């Protein structure tokens, strides 16, 4: 993932010449890559990959949720349309009923204890695949929200479903009575945290950030849906010749 940010920024800068966009979108894309660098090019990387599950899980959250959301937001509508038109399978993969299951299955697969431990034991190969699939599936997750043509109410329902289906992972980690990842249970630990306490912090952190992020975006689209319904009702009552019966 360390090489992804510079490559993405270089390609994005090149594409801006043909697909210019607002400063807000450019800022979102730059912030996405700064988050990736913070997660994988700072001491967070050393701590997460050697000592604490909670820090590694925060890396995963950045790679699978925050950075993809900002990266997709950073694309102009014209560039997003060009990607859908020219990249094979892009239009299919970014459909809500395709992208969401891929993201959920990616999250679930890599959090299976044997798979999780195996990736950490092969940090020069498998772990890179894990982080890359997190970012790719995260882009698929957020694409219908940012560039999808579905109505606001459907976007709100989509986000609620994403939170509801993803939240059990964090809750399980917070509530399980023993540490389930041997890589950290048998590791040196850090700051005096036991493996179980570290796992509980990881689970609470994951569940809490998903609740905050998904609820915030859900609230935005749900309120927008309500506003659109009110405007539609006002337009309906304003149609000339239509009689409104007041009880």
Protein backbone atom coordinates (compact mmCIF):
# COMPACT_ATOMS: atom_id res chain seq x y z
CA UNK A 1 0.00 0.00 0.00
CA UNK A 2 2.99 2.29 0.49
CA UNK A 3 3.46 2.60 -3.28
CA UNK A 4 -0.24 3.07 -3.98
CA UNK A 5 -0.46 6.67 -2.75
CA UNK A 6 2.31 8.16 -4.94
CA UNK A 7 1.08 6.27 -8.01
CA UNK A 8 -2.52 7.33 -7.41
CA UNK A 9 -1.55 10.96 -6.95
CA UNK A 10 0.55 10.93 -10.13
CA UNK A 11 -2.26 9.39 -12.21
CA UNK A 12 -4.83 11.71 -10.64
CA UNK A 13 -2.74 14.79 -11.41
CA UNK A 14 -2.40 13.67 -15.02
CA UNK A 15 -6.15 13.04 -15.36
CA UNK A 16 -7.03 16.43 -13.89
CA UNK A 17 -5.91 18.01 -17.15
CA UNK A 18 -8.69 16.21 -19.00
CA UNK A 19 -11.21 15.89 -16.17
CA UNK A 20 -10.91 19.06 -14.04
CA UNK A 21 -12.89 19.16 -10.83
CA UNK A 22 -13.52 21.28 -7.75
CA UNK A 23 -10.97 21.99 -5.04
CA UNK A 24 -13.16 20.07 -2.61
CA UNK A 25 -12.84 16.89 -4.66
CA UNK A 26 -9.11 17.40 -5.15
CA UNK A 27 -8.74 17.88 -1.41
CA UNK A 28 -10.68 14.70 -0.71
CA UNK A 29 -8.44 12.68 -3.02
CA UNK A 30 -5.27 14.11 -1.51
CA UNK A 31 -6.58 13.42 2.02
CA UNK A 32 -7.33 9.83 1.02
CA UNK A 33 -3.71 9.29 0.08
CA UNK A 34 -2.40 11.10 3.15
CA UNK A 35 -4.43 8.68 5.27
CA UNK A 36 -2.85 5.74 3.45
CA UNK A 37 0.61 7.17 4.07
CA UNK A 38 -0.24 7.75 7.74
CA UNK A 39 -1.37 4.15 8.08
CA UNK A 40 1.43 2.45 6.19
CA UNK A 41 4.45 4.78 6.27
CA UNK A 42 4.57 5.76 9.94
CA UNK A 43 5.20 3.93 13.24
CA UNK A 44 1.57 2.80 13.00
CA UNK A 45 2.79 0.21 10.49
CA UNK A 46 5.42 -1.19 12.86
CA UNK A 47 3.07 -1.29 15.84
CA UNK A 48 0.17 -2.76 13.88
CA UNK A 49 2.16 -5.50 12.18
CA UNK A 50 4.16 -6.58 15.22
CA UNK A 51 2.51 -5.65 18.48
CA UNK A 52 -1.14 -4.57 18.63
CA UNK A 53 -4.25 -5.89 16.89
CA UNK A 54 -6.08 -2.64 17.66
CA UNK A 55 -3.59 -0.62 15.62
CA UNK A 56 -3.62 -3.09 12.75
CA UNK A 57 -7.40 -3.02 12.72
CA UNK A 58 -7.25 0.77 12.50
CA UNK A 59 -5.01 0.35 9.45
CA UNK A 60 -7.63 -1.94 7.94
CA UNK A 61 -10.39 0.57 8.62
CA UNK A 62 -8.39 3.27 6.86
CA UNK A 63 -7.70 0.99 3.89
CA UNK A 64 -11.23 -0.41 3.60
CA UNK A 65 -13.46 2.52 4.54
CA UNK A 66 -11.99 6.00 5.02
CA UNK A 67 -9.41 6.18 2.22
CA UNK A 68 -11.67 4.58 -0.44
CA UNK A 69 -14.56 6.90 0.45
CA UNK A 70 -12.39 9.98 0.01
CA UNK A 71 -10.74 8.62 -3.14
CA UNK A 72 -14.10 7.98 -4.81
CA UNK A 73 -15.35 11.39 -3.68
CA UNK A 74 -12.27 12.92 -5.27
CA UNK A 75 -13.23 11.72 -8.76
CA UNK A 76 -15.20 14.15 -10.88
CA UNK A 77 -18.54 12.91 -12.26
CA UNK A 78 -17.06 13.07 -15.77
CA UNK A 79 -14.07 10.92 -14.78
CA UNK A 80 -16.33 8.45 -12.96
CA UNK A 81 -18.51 8.15 -16.06
CA UNK A 82 -15.43 7.59 -18.22
CA UNK A 83 -14.21 4.83 -15.91
CA UNK A 84 -17.59 3.10 -16.04
CA UNK A 85 -17.64 3.35 -19.84
CA UNK A 86 -14.07 2.27 -20.56
CA UNK A 87 -12.94 -0.07 -17.78
CA UNK A 88 -14.20 -3.64 -18.28
CA UNK A 89 -16.74 -4.74 -15.66
CA UNK A 90 -16.58 -1.35 -13.89
CA UNK A 91 -20.27 -0.65 -14.36
CA UNK A 92 -21.20 -4.11 -13.08
CA UNK A 93 -18.84 -4.13 -10.10
CA UNK A 94 -20.05 -0.73 -8.91
CA UNK A 95 -23.72 -1.74 -8.80
CA UNK A 96 -25.08 -1.62 -5.22
CA UNK A 97 -25.96 -5.32 -5.12
CA UNK A 98 -22.49 -6.24 -6.37
CA UNK A 99 -20.14 -3.81 -4.66
CA UNK A 100 -21.64 -4.19 -1.17
CA UNK A 101 -21.43 -8.02 -1.05
CA UNK A 102 -17.86 -7.91 -2.36
CA UNK A 103 -16.88 -5.48 0.42
CA UNK A 104 -18.64 -7.53 3.10
CA UNK A 105 -17.11 -10.81 1.93
CA UNK A 106 -13.65 -9.21 1.75
CA UNK A 107 -13.97 -7.93 5.31
CA UNK A 108 -15.31 -11.24 6.60
CA UNK A 109 -12.72 -13.39 4.79
CA UNK A 110 -9.66 -11.52 6.03
CA UNK A 111 -10.95 -11.51 9.62
CA UNK A 112 -11.19 -15.29 9.85
CA UNK A 113 -8.51 -16.04 12.50
CA UNK A 114 -6.52 -18.56 10.45
CA UNK A 115 -6.54 -16.26 7.41
CA UNK A 116 -5.71 -13.18 9.49
CA UNK A 117 -2.76 -14.92 11.14
CA UNK A 118 -1.52 -16.31 7.82
CA UNK A 119 -1.48 -12.86 6.25
CA UNK A 120 0.50 -11.44 9.17
CA UNK A 121 2.98 -14.29 8.92
CA UNK A 122 3.51 -13.42 5.23
CA UNK A 123 3.86 -9.66 5.39
CA UNK A 124 5.87 -9.38 2.19
CA UNK A 125 3.17 -10.99 0.04
CA UNK A 126 -0.23 -12.00 1.39
CA UNK A 127 -0.62 -8.96 3.64
CA UNK A 128 -0.19 -6.65 0.65
CA UNK A 129 -2.97 -8.53 -1.13
CA UNK A 130 -5.17 -8.12 1.95
CA UNK A 131 -4.71 -4.37 2.10
CA UNK A 132 -5.12 -3.95 -1.67
CA UNK A 133 -8.40 -5.89 -1.66
CA UNK A 134 -9.62 -3.79 1.26
CA UNK A 135 -9.04 -0.61 -0.72
CA UNK A 136 -10.48 -1.97 -3.96
CA UNK A 137 -13.63 -3.35 -2.33
CA UNK A 138 -13.99 -0.13 -0.32
CA UNK A 139 -14.07 1.84 -3.58
CA UNK A 140 -16.80 -0.49 -4.84
CA UNK A 141 -18.73 0.06 -1.59
CA UNK A 142 -18.72 3.86 -1.83
CA UNK A 143 -19.12 4.21 -5.59
CA UNK A 144 -22.96 3.89 -5.65
CA UNK A 145 -23.21 6.54 -2.94
CA UNK A 146 -20.96 9.10 -4.63
CA UNK A 147 -21.49 8.39 -8.33
CA UNK A 148 -24.50 6.07 -8.40
CA UNK A 149 -27.75 6.96 -10.08
CA UNK A 150 -29.95 5.47 -7.37
CA UNK A 151 -32.31 7.83 -5.47
CA UNK A 152 -31.52 9.32 -2.09
CA UNK A 153 -33.80 6.95 -0.18
CA UNK A 154 -32.08 3.94 -1.74
CA UNK A 155 -28.68 5.35 -0.80
CA UNK A 156 -29.80 5.74 2.80
CA UNK A 157 -31.10 2.14 2.85
CA UNK A 158 -27.86 0.93 1.25
CA UNK A 159 -25.75 2.57 3.96
CA UNK A 160 -27.95 1.22 6.72
CA UNK A 161 -27.58 -2.28 5.27
CA UNK A 162 -23.80 -1.87 5.01
CA UNK A 163 -23.53 -0.89 8.67
CA UNK A 164 -25.93 -3.58 9.85
CA UNK A 165 -24.14 -6.36 7.99
CA UNK A 166 -20.58 -5.25 8.80
CA UNK A 167 -21.01 -4.39 12.49
CA UNK A 168 -21.01 -7.98 13.85
CA UNK A 169 -17.24 -8.29 13.20
CA UNK A 170 -16.36 -5.46 15.56
CA UNK A 171 -18.95 -6.51 18.12
CA UNK A 172 -17.66 -10.09 18.15
CA UNK A 173 -14.09 -8.96 18.71
CA UNK A 174 -15.25 -6.77 21.59
CA UNK A 175 -17.34 -9.47 23.26
CA UNK A 176 -15.40 -12.71 22.74
CA UNK A 177 -13.97 -14.01 26.06
CA UNK A 178 -10.53 -14.89 24.65
CA UNK A 179 -8.05 -13.59 22.11
CA UNK A 180 -8.69 -15.30 18.76
CA UNK A 181 -5.67 -14.18 16.73
CA UNK A 182 -2.63 -16.27 17.71
CA UNK A 183 -0.23 -13.86 16.01
CA UNK A 184 -1.00 -11.24 18.64
CA UNK A 185 -1.83 -13.60 21.50
CA UNK A 186 1.65 -15.10 21.23
CA UNK A 187 3.34 -11.80 20.42
CA UNK A 188 5.25 -9.38 22.66
CA UNK A 189 2.38 -6.93 23.09
CA UNK A 190 2.86 -3.26 23.93
CA UNK A 191 2.03 -0.69 26.61
CA UNK A 192 1.08 -3.41 29.07
CA UNK A 193 -2.09 -4.38 27.17
CA UNK A 194 -3.07 -8.02 27.38
CA UNK A 195 -4.05 -9.72 24.08
CA UNK A 196 -7.69 -9.84 25.18
CA UNK A 197 -7.78 -6.16 26.17
CA UNK A 198 -6.10 -5.26 22.89
CA UNK A 199 -8.74 -7.26 21.01
CA UNK A 200 -11.57 -5.62 22.94
CA UNK A 201 -10.18 -2.16 22.13
CA UNK A 202 -9.94 -3.21 18.48
CA UNK A 203 -13.55 -4.39 18.41
CA UNK A 204 -14.94 -1.31 20.17
CA UNK A 205 -12.91 0.97 17.89
CA UNK A 206 -14.14 -0.78 14.76
CA UNK A 207 -17.77 -0.84 15.86
CA UNK A 208 -17.65 2.76 17.04
CA UNK A 209 -16.09 4.22 13.90
CA UNK A 210 -18.49 2.31 11.65
CA UNK A 211 -21.44 3.57 13.67
CA UNK A 212 -20.18 7.17 13.43
CA UNK A 213 -19.18 7.14 9.76
CA UNK A 214 -22.08 5.18 8.35
CA UNK A 215 -24.65 6.95 10.49
CA UNK A 216 -23.36 10.37 9.47
CA UNK A 217 -23.55 9.57 5.76
CA UNK A 218 -26.86 7.73 6.24
CA UNK A 219 -28.31 10.76 8.03
CA UNK A 220 -27.26 13.04 5.18
CA UNK A 221 -29.00 10.96 2.52
CA UNK A 222 -32.03 10.20 4.68
CA UNK A 223 -32.62 13.90 5.40
CA UNK A 224 -32.12 14.64 1.73
CA UNK A 225 -34.70 11.98 0.91
CA UNK A 226 -37.21 13.57 3.31
CA UNK A 227 -36.56 17.00 1.83
CA UNK A 228 -37.12 15.67 -1.68
CA UNK A 229 -40.41 14.09 -0.57
CA UNK A 230 -41.57 17.37 0.92
CA UNK A 231 -40.65 19.26 -2.26
CA UNK A 232 -42.47 16.70 -4.37
CA UNK A 233 -45.57 17.04 -2.17
CA UNK A 234 -45.40 20.84 -2.44
CA UNK A 235 -45.11 20.62 -6.21
CA UNK A 236 -48.09 18.27 -6.33
CA UNK A 237 -50.33 20.62 -4.36
CA UNK A 238 -49.22 23.53 -6.54
CA UNK A 239 -50.37 21.95 -9.80
CA UNK A 240 -52.96 24.29 -11.44
CA UNK A 241 -56.47 22.91 -11.44
CA UNK A 242 -55.78 20.38 -8.71
CA UNK A 243 -58.07 20.64 -5.70
CA UNK A 244 -56.63 19.79 -2.32
CA UNK A 245 -59.21 18.47 0.14
CA UNK A 246 -58.56 19.65 3.66
CA UNK A 247 -60.18 17.43 6.32
